[in-house]
Amino acid sequence: MLSYMGKFLRLLVRSYYRMRLGNLGDQSDIAVPVFLSYPMRISIGTHCHFARNVTLRANTEKPLGIRIGNHVRVHESVLLAANNGSVEIGDRSWLSPYCLVYGNGGVKIGNDVLIGPRVSINTVSHHTERCDIPINEQGIYCAPVVIEDDVWIGMHAVILQGVTIGRGAIIGAGALVNKDVPAWSIALGIPARITGRRINAPVEAGSS
């Protein structure tokens, strides 16, 4: 009886989310509660899992503010916010608990990306050139963040606007990334610096 009721409740929850979202692929599992804003601008692929207290905020004029690929896992209390931009996540990627992703300037996360707990990805900052008026009256500027396939980002890392992290790179725990990180590199520290290259990493086309 309990097993039947559990299956019925899961079906009911899935039907609710399917009616609200722009797209919900087969075999995707969304816990309760998950908080949705502008749900018709959210697309979720197949075999995805969203844990409790995730917030998906597709507050943008774009047709799709948040696009999630297939076999993606988003753990507890993650925030994905389009903020007039967009957030795209490729297949088989993983966001650990308490990650924050602000898509103002556009965030693209590739396939097979592992993002540790409490990582922040930020695409917006404030102008601070003037001292005669408050910072909050000087406006903002945005720049995209691109995280290519097969990247591993350690816990508490911060990725700032305008950064591209190349394929296969590793970002150490607590790193502050404010410049591009080449493919297959290892970056550590505040600010993050290239400290090495993955053993047996392939040679990229055009590199010396």
N, C-alpha and C. Protein backbone atom coordinates (compact mmCIF):
# COMPACT_ATOMS: atom_id res chain seq x y z
N MET A 1 0.83 -1.20 0.00
CA MET A 1 0.00 0.00 0.00
C MET A 1 0.87 1.26 0.00
N LEU A 2 1.91 1.27 0.87
CA LEU A 2 2.78 2.44 0.93
C LEU A 2 3.52 2.63 -0.38
N SER A 3 3.96 1.51 -0.98
CA SER A 3 4.66 1.60 -2.26
C SER A 3 3.74 2.18 -3.33
N TYR A 4 2.49 1.74 -3.36
CA TYR A 4 1.53 2.26 -4.33
C TYR A 4 1.30 3.75 -4.12
N MET A 5 1.15 4.16 -2.85
CA MET A 5 0.91 5.57 -2.57
C MET A 5 2.12 6.42 -2.97
N GLY A 6 3.33 5.88 -2.72
CA GLY A 6 4.52 6.61 -3.10
C GLY A 6 4.60 6.83 -4.60
N LYS A 7 4.28 5.79 -5.36
CA LYS A 7 4.29 5.91 -6.82
C LYS A 7 3.23 6.89 -7.29
N PHE A 8 2.07 6.85 -6.64
CA PHE A 8 1.00 7.77 -7.02
C PHE A 8 1.40 9.22 -6.76
N LEU A 9 2.03 9.47 -5.59
CA LEU A 9 2.43 10.83 -5.26
C LEU A 9 3.51 11.33 -6.21
N ARG A 10 4.47 10.46 -6.57
CA ARG A 10 5.50 10.87 -7.52
C ARG A 10 4.89 11.21 -8.87
N LEU A 11 3.90 10.42 -9.30
CA LEU A 11 3.22 10.68 -10.55
C LEU A 11 2.47 12.00 -10.49
N LEU A 12 1.85 12.27 -9.35
CA LEU A 12 1.11 13.51 -9.18
C LEU A 12 2.05 14.73 -9.23
N VAL A 13 3.17 14.62 -8.54
CA VAL A 13 4.15 15.71 -8.54
C VAL A 13 4.69 15.93 -9.94
N ARG A 14 5.02 14.84 -10.62
CA ARG A 14 5.55 14.97 -11.98
C ARG A 14 4.53 15.63 -12.92
N SER A 15 3.28 15.26 -12.79
CA SER A 15 2.23 15.86 -13.63
C SER A 15 2.10 17.35 -13.35
N TYR A 16 2.23 17.72 -12.09
CA TYR A 16 2.16 19.14 -11.72
C TYR A 16 3.29 19.91 -12.38
N TYR A 17 4.52 19.42 -12.27
CA TYR A 17 5.66 20.12 -12.86
C TYR A 17 5.59 20.11 -14.39
N ARG A 18 5.10 19.03 -14.96
CA ARG A 18 5.00 18.96 -16.42
C ARG A 18 4.04 20.03 -16.96
N MET A 19 2.97 20.29 -16.23
CA MET A 19 2.02 21.31 -16.65
C MET A 19 2.61 22.71 -16.54
N ARG A 20 3.51 22.94 -15.59
CA ARG A 20 4.03 24.28 -15.34
C ARG A 20 5.25 24.61 -16.18
N LEU A 21 6.12 23.64 -16.41
CA LEU A 21 7.39 23.90 -17.08
C LEU A 21 7.24 23.98 -18.59
N GLY A 22 8.19 24.70 -19.21
CA GLY A 22 8.21 24.72 -20.67
C GLY A 22 8.44 23.35 -21.25
N ASN A 23 9.31 22.56 -20.61
CA ASN A 23 9.54 21.18 -21.02
C ASN A 23 10.07 20.40 -19.83
N LEU A 24 9.61 19.17 -19.68
CA LEU A 24 10.10 18.24 -18.68
C LEU A 24 10.26 16.89 -19.34
N GLY A 25 11.52 16.43 -19.48
CA GLY A 25 11.79 15.18 -20.16
C GLY A 25 11.38 13.96 -19.35
N ASP A 26 11.33 12.84 -20.02
CA ASP A 26 10.94 11.57 -19.38
C ASP A 26 11.93 11.18 -18.28
N GLN A 27 11.39 10.55 -17.25
CA GLN A 27 12.17 9.99 -16.15
C GLN A 27 12.92 11.04 -15.34
N SER A 28 12.54 12.30 -15.44
CA SER A 28 13.14 13.32 -14.58
C SER A 28 12.37 13.41 -13.28
N ASP A 29 13.10 13.59 -12.19
CA ASP A 29 12.55 13.54 -10.84
C ASP A 29 12.78 14.88 -10.15
N ILE A 30 11.70 15.53 -9.74
CA ILE A 30 11.78 16.82 -9.07
C ILE A 30 11.17 16.68 -7.69
N ALA A 31 11.96 16.99 -6.67
CA ALA A 31 11.49 16.86 -5.29
C ALA A 31 10.52 17.99 -4.94
N VAL A 32 9.94 17.88 -3.77
CA VAL A 32 9.06 18.92 -3.23
C VAL A 32 9.65 19.37 -1.89
N PRO A 33 9.86 20.69 -1.69
CA PRO A 33 9.56 21.73 -2.66
C PRO A 33 10.75 22.06 -3.57
N VAL A 34 10.45 22.41 -4.81
CA VAL A 34 11.36 23.10 -5.71
C VAL A 34 10.65 24.38 -6.12
N PHE A 35 11.33 25.50 -6.06
CA PHE A 35 10.70 26.80 -6.26
C PHE A 35 10.94 27.28 -7.68
N LEU A 36 9.87 27.59 -8.38
CA LEU A 36 9.93 27.97 -9.79
C LEU A 36 9.43 29.39 -9.99
N SER A 37 10.21 30.18 -10.76
CA SER A 37 9.73 31.48 -11.23
C SER A 37 9.81 31.51 -12.74
N TYR A 38 8.75 31.97 -13.38
CA TYR A 38 8.64 31.96 -14.84
C TYR A 38 8.89 30.55 -15.40
N PRO A 39 8.14 29.56 -14.92
CA PRO A 39 8.44 28.17 -15.26
C PRO A 39 8.34 27.85 -16.75
N MET A 40 7.52 28.57 -17.52
CA MET A 40 7.39 28.28 -18.94
C MET A 40 8.67 28.59 -19.71
N ARG A 41 9.62 29.29 -19.07
CA ARG A 41 10.91 29.58 -19.70
C ARG A 41 12.00 28.65 -19.19
N ILE A 42 11.59 27.50 -18.62
CA ILE A 42 12.52 26.51 -18.10
C ILE A 42 12.33 25.21 -18.88
N SER A 43 13.43 24.66 -19.39
CA SER A 43 13.40 23.38 -20.10
C SER A 43 14.32 22.39 -19.40
N ILE A 44 13.81 21.22 -19.06
CA ILE A 44 14.57 20.19 -18.37
C ILE A 44 14.54 18.93 -19.22
N GLY A 45 15.71 18.33 -19.43
CA GLY A 45 15.83 17.14 -20.25
C GLY A 45 15.40 15.86 -19.53
N THR A 46 15.85 14.74 -20.04
CA THR A 46 15.46 13.44 -19.50
C THR A 46 16.38 12.99 -18.38
N HIS A 47 15.85 12.15 -17.50
CA HIS A 47 16.62 11.50 -16.44
C HIS A 47 17.39 12.50 -15.56
N CYS A 48 16.78 13.64 -15.29
CA CYS A 48 17.38 14.63 -14.39
C CYS A 48 16.84 14.45 -12.98
N HIS A 49 17.60 14.93 -12.01
CA HIS A 49 17.17 14.88 -10.61
C HIS A 49 17.38 16.24 -9.96
N PHE A 50 16.32 16.75 -9.33
CA PHE A 50 16.38 18.02 -8.60
C PHE A 50 15.98 17.75 -7.16
N ALA A 51 16.89 18.05 -6.23
CA ALA A 51 16.64 17.80 -4.82
C ALA A 51 15.79 18.91 -4.20
N ARG A 52 15.48 18.77 -2.94
CA ARG A 52 14.63 19.72 -2.23
C ARG A 52 15.26 21.10 -2.16
N ASN A 53 14.38 22.11 -2.18
CA ASN A 53 14.74 23.51 -1.97
C ASN A 53 15.60 24.11 -3.08
N VAL A 54 15.65 23.48 -4.23
CA VAL A 54 16.26 24.11 -5.40
C VAL A 54 15.35 25.25 -5.87
N THR A 55 15.97 26.37 -6.31
CA THR A 55 15.22 27.48 -6.89
C THR A 55 15.65 27.66 -8.34
N LEU A 56 14.68 27.63 -9.25
CA LEU A 56 14.90 27.87 -10.68
C LEU A 56 14.15 29.15 -11.05
N ARG A 57 14.90 30.21 -11.32
CA ARG A 57 14.29 31.53 -11.55
C ARG A 57 14.65 31.99 -12.96
N ALA A 58 13.71 31.81 -13.87
CA ALA A 58 13.95 32.13 -15.29
C ALA A 58 13.41 33.51 -15.62
N ASN A 59 13.81 34.50 -14.83
CA ASN A 59 13.31 35.87 -14.98
C ASN A 59 14.05 36.58 -16.10
N THR A 60 13.60 36.39 -17.31
CA THR A 60 14.24 36.94 -18.50
C THR A 60 13.19 37.07 -19.60
N GLU A 61 13.49 37.91 -20.59
CA GLU A 61 12.60 38.02 -21.74
C GLU A 61 12.94 37.01 -22.83
N LYS A 62 14.03 36.26 -22.65
CA LYS A 62 14.39 35.24 -23.62
C LYS A 62 13.37 34.10 -23.58
N PRO A 63 13.15 33.42 -24.71
CA PRO A 63 12.19 32.30 -24.72
C PRO A 63 12.54 31.22 -23.69
N LEU A 64 13.85 30.96 -23.53
CA LEU A 64 14.30 30.01 -22.52
C LEU A 64 15.33 30.68 -21.62
N GLY A 65 14.98 30.87 -20.37
CA GLY A 65 15.92 31.45 -19.43
C GLY A 65 16.83 30.42 -18.81
N ILE A 66 16.31 29.19 -18.63
CA ILE A 66 17.09 28.09 -18.05
C ILE A 66 16.88 26.86 -18.91
N ARG A 67 17.98 26.29 -19.38
CA ARG A 67 17.92 25.06 -20.19
C ARG A 67 18.83 24.02 -19.56
N ILE A 68 18.25 22.90 -19.17
CA ILE A 68 18.98 21.81 -18.53
C ILE A 68 19.01 20.62 -19.48
N GLY A 69 20.19 20.01 -19.65
CA GLY A 69 20.33 18.86 -20.53
C GLY A 69 19.79 17.58 -19.92
N ASN A 70 20.36 16.45 -20.31
CA ASN A 70 19.91 15.14 -19.86
C ASN A 70 20.84 14.59 -18.77
N HIS A 71 20.28 13.80 -17.86
CA HIS A 71 21.06 13.13 -16.81
C HIS A 71 21.81 14.14 -15.93
N VAL A 72 21.20 15.27 -15.66
CA VAL A 72 21.79 16.31 -14.80
C VAL A 72 21.27 16.12 -13.38
N ARG A 73 22.17 16.32 -12.39
CA ARG A 73 21.79 16.23 -10.98
C ARG A 73 22.03 17.57 -10.31
N VAL A 74 20.98 18.11 -9.71
CA VAL A 74 21.04 19.40 -9.02
C VAL A 74 20.64 19.14 -7.56
N HIS A 75 21.57 19.37 -6.65
CA HIS A 75 21.36 18.98 -5.27
C HIS A 75 20.75 20.11 -4.44
N GLU A 76 20.60 19.85 -3.15
CA GLU A 76 19.80 20.70 -2.27
C GLU A 76 20.22 22.16 -2.29
N SER A 77 19.20 23.02 -2.31
CA SER A 77 19.36 24.47 -2.09
C SER A 77 20.23 25.16 -3.13
N VAL A 78 20.28 24.63 -4.34
CA VAL A 78 20.96 25.31 -5.45
C VAL A 78 20.04 26.42 -5.98
N LEU A 79 20.65 27.56 -6.36
CA LEU A 79 19.92 28.65 -7.02
C LEU A 79 20.44 28.82 -8.43
N LEU A 80 19.55 28.70 -9.42
CA LEU A 80 19.84 29.03 -10.81
C LEU A 80 18.95 30.20 -11.18
N ALA A 81 19.55 31.36 -11.45
CA ALA A 81 18.78 32.57 -11.72
C ALA A 81 19.20 33.17 -13.05
N ALA A 82 18.25 33.32 -13.97
CA ALA A 82 18.56 33.89 -15.28
C ALA A 82 18.86 35.38 -15.18
N ASN A 83 18.08 36.11 -14.39
CA ASN A 83 18.32 37.54 -14.15
C ASN A 83 18.51 38.33 -15.45
N ASN A 84 17.55 38.23 -16.35
CA ASN A 84 17.57 38.90 -17.66
C ASN A 84 18.61 38.31 -18.62
N GLY A 85 19.26 37.24 -18.23
CA GLY A 85 20.18 36.52 -19.12
C GLY A 85 19.71 35.09 -19.32
N SER A 86 20.63 34.15 -19.15
CA SER A 86 20.27 32.75 -19.34
C SER A 86 21.26 31.85 -18.63
N VAL A 87 20.82 30.63 -18.32
CA VAL A 87 21.66 29.59 -17.74
C VAL A 87 21.44 28.32 -18.56
N GLU A 88 22.53 27.78 -19.11
CA GLU A 88 22.46 26.53 -19.87
C GLU A 88 23.40 25.51 -19.24
N ILE A 89 22.92 24.30 -19.05
CA ILE A 89 23.71 23.22 -18.46
C ILE A 89 23.62 22.01 -19.38
N GLY A 90 24.78 21.45 -19.73
CA GLY A 90 24.82 20.31 -20.64
C GLY A 90 24.48 18.99 -19.97
N ASP A 91 24.74 17.92 -20.67
CA ASP A 91 24.36 16.58 -20.20
C ASP A 91 25.31 16.07 -19.11
N ARG A 92 24.75 15.31 -18.19
CA ARG A 92 25.49 14.55 -17.17
C ARG A 92 26.30 15.44 -16.22
N SER A 93 25.92 16.68 -16.10
CA SER A 93 26.62 17.58 -15.18
C SER A 93 25.99 17.50 -13.79
N TRP A 94 26.74 18.00 -12.79
CA TRP A 94 26.41 17.80 -11.39
C TRP A 94 26.64 19.10 -10.64
N LEU A 95 25.60 19.60 -9.96
CA LEU A 95 25.73 20.77 -9.10
C LEU A 95 25.46 20.35 -7.67
N SER A 96 26.47 20.51 -6.81
CA SER A 96 26.37 20.10 -5.42
C SER A 96 25.56 21.12 -4.61
N PRO A 97 25.25 20.80 -3.34
CA PRO A 97 24.39 21.68 -2.55
C PRO A 97 24.91 23.10 -2.41
N TYR A 98 23.97 24.04 -2.39
CA TYR A 98 24.20 25.46 -2.11
C TYR A 98 25.01 26.19 -3.19
N CYS A 99 25.03 25.68 -4.40
CA CYS A 99 25.65 26.43 -5.50
C CYS A 99 24.76 27.61 -5.88
N LEU A 100 25.39 28.71 -6.31
CA LEU A 100 24.69 29.90 -6.78
C LEU A 100 25.15 30.20 -8.20
N VAL A 101 24.20 30.33 -9.12
CA VAL A 101 24.52 30.64 -10.51
C VAL A 101 23.67 31.83 -10.94
N TYR A 102 24.34 32.96 -11.25
CA TYR A 102 23.65 34.18 -11.66
C TYR A 102 23.89 34.39 -13.16
N GLY A 103 22.83 34.28 -13.95
CA GLY A 103 22.96 34.25 -15.40
C GLY A 103 22.81 35.58 -16.10
N ASN A 104 22.98 36.70 -15.41
CA ASN A 104 22.75 38.03 -16.02
C ASN A 104 23.44 38.17 -17.37
N GLY A 105 24.71 37.82 -17.43
CA GLY A 105 25.48 37.94 -18.68
C GLY A 105 25.48 36.69 -19.52
N GLY A 106 24.84 35.64 -19.05
CA GLY A 106 24.81 34.36 -19.75
C GLY A 106 25.81 33.38 -19.17
N VAL A 107 25.32 32.22 -18.74
CA VAL A 107 26.17 31.15 -18.22
C VAL A 107 25.95 29.91 -19.09
N LYS A 108 27.06 29.34 -19.58
CA LYS A 108 27.00 28.09 -20.33
C LYS A 108 27.90 27.07 -19.65
N ILE A 109 27.31 26.01 -19.15
CA ILE A 109 28.04 24.93 -18.49
C ILE A 109 27.93 23.71 -19.39
N GLY A 110 29.06 23.10 -19.70
CA GLY A 110 29.09 22.02 -20.68
C GLY A 110 28.64 20.67 -20.14
N ASN A 111 29.06 19.62 -20.82
CA ASN A 111 28.74 18.25 -20.44
C ASN A 111 29.74 17.73 -19.41
N ASP A 112 29.28 16.85 -18.53
CA ASP A 112 30.15 16.14 -17.59
C ASP A 112 30.93 17.09 -16.68
N VAL A 113 30.31 18.19 -16.30
CA VAL A 113 30.93 19.18 -15.40
C VAL A 113 30.54 18.84 -13.95
N LEU A 114 31.54 18.83 -13.07
CA LEU A 114 31.32 18.56 -11.65
C LEU A 114 31.55 19.85 -10.87
N ILE A 115 30.53 20.32 -10.17
CA ILE A 115 30.62 21.58 -9.42
C ILE A 115 30.37 21.27 -7.95
N GLY A 116 31.37 21.59 -7.12
CA GLY A 116 31.32 21.25 -5.71
C GLY A 116 30.38 22.14 -4.91
N PRO A 117 30.22 21.84 -3.61
CA PRO A 117 29.30 22.59 -2.77
C PRO A 117 29.70 24.06 -2.64
N ARG A 118 28.68 24.92 -2.59
CA ARG A 118 28.82 26.36 -2.32
C ARG A 118 29.70 27.08 -3.34
N VAL A 119 29.73 26.60 -4.55
CA VAL A 119 30.40 27.31 -5.64
C VAL A 119 29.48 28.44 -6.11
N SER A 120 30.08 29.60 -6.41
CA SER A 120 29.32 30.73 -6.96
C SER A 120 29.81 31.05 -8.36
N ILE A 121 28.88 31.21 -9.28
CA ILE A 121 29.18 31.63 -10.65
C ILE A 121 28.44 32.93 -10.89
N ASN A 122 29.19 34.00 -11.14
CA ASN A 122 28.62 35.34 -11.19
C ASN A 122 28.96 36.02 -12.51
N THR A 123 27.98 36.57 -13.18
CA THR A 123 28.20 37.23 -14.47
C THR A 123 27.92 38.73 -14.43
N VAL A 124 27.81 39.29 -13.24
CA VAL A 124 27.44 40.70 -13.13
C VAL A 124 28.27 41.37 -12.04
N SER A 125 28.59 42.65 -12.25
CA SER A 125 29.28 43.43 -11.23
C SER A 125 28.80 44.88 -11.31
N HIS A 126 29.23 45.69 -10.36
CA HIS A 126 28.79 47.08 -10.26
C HIS A 126 29.89 48.03 -10.73
N HIS A 127 29.48 49.10 -11.41
CA HIS A 127 30.40 50.19 -11.68
C HIS A 127 30.72 50.91 -10.37
N THR A 128 31.99 51.30 -10.22
CA THR A 128 32.42 51.96 -8.98
C THR A 128 33.29 53.18 -9.25
N GLU A 129 33.24 53.68 -10.51
CA GLU A 129 34.17 54.75 -10.89
C GLU A 129 33.94 56.06 -10.13
N ARG A 130 32.70 56.33 -9.77
CA ARG A 130 32.38 57.61 -9.13
C ARG A 130 32.30 57.44 -7.62
N CYS A 131 32.68 58.49 -6.92
CA CYS A 131 32.57 58.50 -5.46
C CYS A 131 31.55 59.51 -4.94
N ASP A 132 30.92 60.25 -5.88
CA ASP A 132 29.96 61.28 -5.47
C ASP A 132 28.54 60.74 -5.39
N ILE A 133 28.33 59.53 -5.85
CA ILE A 133 27.01 58.91 -5.75
C ILE A 133 27.19 57.47 -5.25
N PRO A 134 26.16 56.89 -4.64
CA PRO A 134 26.28 55.52 -4.13
C PRO A 134 26.56 54.52 -5.25
N ILE A 135 27.23 53.45 -4.91
CA ILE A 135 27.53 52.40 -5.89
C ILE A 135 26.25 51.85 -6.50
N ASN A 136 25.21 51.72 -5.69
CA ASN A 136 23.98 51.11 -6.21
C ASN A 136 23.24 52.00 -7.20
N GLU A 137 23.74 53.25 -7.45
CA GLU A 137 23.15 54.12 -8.46
C GLU A 137 24.03 54.23 -9.72
N GLN A 138 25.15 53.53 -9.75
CA GLN A 138 26.09 53.66 -10.86
C GLN A 138 25.91 52.61 -11.96
N GLY A 139 24.97 51.71 -11.77
CA GLY A 139 24.70 50.73 -12.82
C GLY A 139 25.58 49.50 -12.71
N ILE A 140 25.30 48.55 -13.56
CA ILE A 140 26.01 47.28 -13.55
C ILE A 140 26.59 46.98 -14.93
N TYR A 141 27.49 46.03 -14.98
CA TYR A 141 27.98 45.52 -16.26
C TYR A 141 28.03 44.00 -16.17
N CYS A 142 27.78 43.36 -17.30
CA CYS A 142 27.68 41.90 -17.35
C CYS A 142 28.63 41.34 -18.40
N ALA A 143 29.07 40.13 -18.19
CA ALA A 143 29.89 39.41 -19.16
C ALA A 143 29.66 37.92 -18.95
N PRO A 144 29.67 37.13 -20.00
CA PRO A 144 29.31 35.72 -19.88
C PRO A 144 30.38 34.88 -19.19
N VAL A 145 29.94 33.78 -18.63
CA VAL A 145 30.83 32.73 -18.11
C VAL A 145 30.58 31.47 -18.93
N VAL A 146 31.67 30.87 -19.41
CA VAL A 146 31.60 29.61 -20.16
C VAL A 146 32.46 28.58 -19.44
N ILE A 147 31.85 27.46 -19.09
CA ILE A 147 32.57 26.34 -18.49
C ILE A 147 32.45 25.17 -19.46
N GLU A 148 33.55 24.79 -20.07
CA GLU A 148 33.52 23.77 -21.11
C GLU A 148 33.40 22.37 -20.51
N ASP A 149 33.35 21.36 -21.35
CA ASP A 149 33.09 19.98 -20.92
C ASP A 149 34.16 19.46 -19.96
N ASP A 150 33.75 18.54 -19.08
CA ASP A 150 34.66 17.75 -18.26
C ASP A 150 35.48 18.60 -17.30
N VAL A 151 34.92 19.68 -16.78
CA VAL A 151 35.58 20.53 -15.79
C VAL A 151 35.16 20.10 -14.39
N TRP A 152 36.12 20.18 -13.45
CA TRP A 152 35.83 19.90 -12.05
C TRP A 152 36.14 21.16 -11.26
N ILE A 153 35.13 21.67 -10.53
CA ILE A 153 35.28 22.89 -9.73
C ILE A 153 35.09 22.52 -8.27
N GLY A 154 36.13 22.78 -7.44
CA GLY A 154 36.08 22.41 -6.03
C GLY A 154 35.19 23.31 -5.21
N MET A 155 34.87 22.86 -4.02
CA MET A 155 33.94 23.58 -3.14
C MET A 155 34.41 24.99 -2.81
N HIS A 156 33.44 25.88 -2.66
CA HIS A 156 33.66 27.28 -2.28
C HIS A 156 34.41 28.10 -3.34
N ALA A 157 34.62 27.57 -4.53
CA ALA A 157 35.24 28.38 -5.58
C ALA A 157 34.27 29.46 -6.05
N VAL A 158 34.85 30.56 -6.56
CA VAL A 158 34.06 31.68 -7.09
C VAL A 158 34.53 31.93 -8.52
N ILE A 159 33.59 31.92 -9.47
CA ILE A 159 33.87 32.17 -10.87
C ILE A 159 33.26 33.52 -11.22
N LEU A 160 34.08 34.47 -11.67
CA LEU A 160 33.60 35.83 -11.93
C LEU A 160 33.30 36.05 -13.41
N GLN A 161 32.64 37.17 -13.69
CA GLN A 161 32.13 37.48 -15.02
C GLN A 161 33.28 37.54 -16.05
N GLY A 162 32.95 37.13 -17.29
CA GLY A 162 33.89 37.21 -18.40
C GLY A 162 34.88 36.08 -18.49
N VAL A 163 34.73 35.04 -17.68
CA VAL A 163 35.71 33.96 -17.60
C VAL A 163 35.27 32.77 -18.45
N THR A 164 36.25 32.17 -19.14
CA THR A 164 36.05 30.87 -19.79
C THR A 164 36.99 29.86 -19.15
N ILE A 165 36.44 28.75 -18.73
CA ILE A 165 37.24 27.65 -18.18
C ILE A 165 37.27 26.55 -19.22
N GLY A 166 38.46 26.22 -19.69
CA GLY A 166 38.60 25.30 -20.81
C GLY A 166 38.31 23.86 -20.45
N ARG A 167 38.13 23.07 -21.46
CA ARG A 167 37.79 21.65 -21.33
C ARG A 167 38.79 20.92 -20.43
N GLY A 168 38.27 20.12 -19.52
CA GLY A 168 39.10 19.26 -18.70
C GLY A 168 39.87 19.95 -17.59
N ALA A 169 39.63 21.24 -17.36
CA ALA A 169 40.35 21.96 -16.32
C ALA A 169 39.85 21.57 -14.93
N ILE A 170 40.73 21.81 -13.93
CA ILE A 170 40.38 21.59 -12.53
C ILE A 170 40.58 22.90 -11.78
N ILE A 171 39.55 23.32 -11.04
CA ILE A 171 39.61 24.53 -10.22
C ILE A 171 39.61 24.09 -8.77
N GLY A 172 40.66 24.47 -8.03
CA GLY A 172 40.79 24.03 -6.65
C GLY A 172 39.76 24.64 -5.72
N ALA A 173 39.56 23.99 -4.59
CA ALA A 173 38.62 24.47 -3.59
C ALA A 173 39.00 25.87 -3.13
N GLY A 174 38.02 26.75 -3.03
CA GLY A 174 38.23 28.10 -2.54
C GLY A 174 38.88 29.06 -3.51
N ALA A 175 39.11 28.64 -4.75
CA ALA A 175 39.77 29.51 -5.73
C ALA A 175 38.85 30.65 -6.16
N LEU A 176 39.46 31.79 -6.50
CA LEU A 176 38.74 32.93 -7.06
C LEU A 176 39.21 33.08 -8.50
N VAL A 177 38.35 32.74 -9.45
CA VAL A 177 38.73 32.71 -10.86
C VAL A 177 38.25 33.99 -11.52
N ASN A 178 39.20 34.86 -11.88
CA ASN A 178 38.86 36.13 -12.54
C ASN A 178 39.51 36.27 -13.91
N LYS A 179 40.17 35.20 -14.37
CA LYS A 179 40.76 35.17 -15.71
C LYS A 179 40.52 33.80 -16.33
N ASP A 180 40.62 33.73 -17.65
CA ASP A 180 40.41 32.47 -18.34
C ASP A 180 41.38 31.40 -17.85
N VAL A 181 40.90 30.16 -17.84
CA VAL A 181 41.72 29.00 -17.46
C VAL A 181 41.82 28.09 -18.68
N PRO A 182 43.04 27.84 -19.18
CA PRO A 182 43.18 27.01 -20.38
C PRO A 182 42.71 25.57 -20.16
N ALA A 183 42.42 24.90 -21.25
CA ALA A 183 42.01 23.50 -21.20
C ALA A 183 43.05 22.65 -20.49
N TRP A 184 42.59 21.69 -19.71
CA TRP A 184 43.41 20.68 -19.04
C TRP A 184 44.32 21.26 -17.96
N SER A 185 44.14 22.53 -17.60
CA SER A 185 44.98 23.17 -16.58
C SER A 185 44.42 22.93 -15.19
N ILE A 186 45.29 23.14 -14.19
CA ILE A 186 44.90 23.10 -12.78
C ILE A 186 45.12 24.50 -12.22
N ALA A 187 44.08 25.10 -11.65
CA ALA A 187 44.15 26.47 -11.15
C ALA A 187 43.79 26.49 -9.67
N LEU A 188 44.63 27.15 -8.87
CA LEU A 188 44.44 27.22 -7.43
C LEU A 188 44.67 28.64 -6.94
N GLY A 189 44.04 29.00 -5.81
CA GLY A 189 44.41 30.21 -5.11
C GLY A 189 43.49 31.39 -5.32
N ILE A 190 43.84 32.51 -4.64
CA ILE A 190 43.09 33.78 -4.69
C ILE A 190 44.07 34.90 -5.02
N PRO A 191 44.01 35.46 -6.22
CA PRO A 191 43.22 34.96 -7.37
C PRO A 191 43.82 33.66 -7.90
N ALA A 192 43.02 32.93 -8.66
CA ALA A 192 43.47 31.63 -9.16
C ALA A 192 44.63 31.79 -10.14
N ARG A 193 45.63 30.94 -9.99
CA ARG A 193 46.77 30.91 -10.90
C ARG A 193 46.97 29.49 -11.40
N ILE A 194 47.49 29.37 -12.60
CA ILE A 194 47.74 28.05 -13.18
C ILE A 194 48.94 27.44 -12.47
N THR A 195 48.72 26.32 -11.84
CA THR A 195 49.79 25.66 -11.08
C THR A 195 50.26 24.36 -11.74
N GLY A 196 49.59 23.93 -12.77
CA GLY A 196 50.00 22.69 -13.42
C GLY A 196 49.05 22.33 -14.54
N ARG A 197 49.30 21.17 -15.08
CA ARG A 197 48.50 20.63 -16.18
C ARG A 197 48.25 19.16 -15.89
N ARG A 198 47.08 18.70 -16.23
CA ARG A 198 46.74 17.30 -15.95
C ARG A 198 47.68 16.34 -16.68
N ILE A 199 48.08 15.31 -15.97
CA ILE A 199 48.98 14.31 -16.55
C ILE A 199 48.31 13.65 -17.75
N ASN A 200 49.08 13.48 -18.81
CA ASN A 200 48.60 12.84 -20.04
C ASN A 200 47.49 13.62 -20.73
N ALA A 201 47.39 14.93 -20.44
CA ALA A 201 46.39 15.75 -21.12
C ALA A 201 46.71 15.82 -22.61
N PRO A 202 45.69 15.78 -23.46
CA PRO A 202 45.94 15.87 -24.90
C PRO A 202 46.47 17.24 -25.29
N VAL A 203 47.21 17.29 -26.37
CA VAL A 203 47.72 18.55 -26.89
C VAL A 203 46.63 19.18 -27.74
N GLU A 204 46.24 20.42 -27.38
CA GLU A 204 45.19 21.10 -28.12
C GLU A 204 45.69 21.55 -29.48
N ALA A 205 44.80 21.56 -30.45
CA ALA A 205 45.18 22.03 -31.79
C ALA A 205 45.66 23.45 -31.73
N GLY A 206 46.79 23.72 -32.37
CA GLY A 206 47.34 25.06 -32.42
C GLY A 206 48.23 25.41 -31.27
N SER A 207 48.36 24.53 -30.25
CA SER A 207 49.25 24.82 -29.14
C SER A 207 50.66 24.40 -29.48
N SER A 208 51.64 25.00 -28.83
CA SER A 208 53.04 24.70 -29.13
C SER A 208 53.56 23.62 -28.20
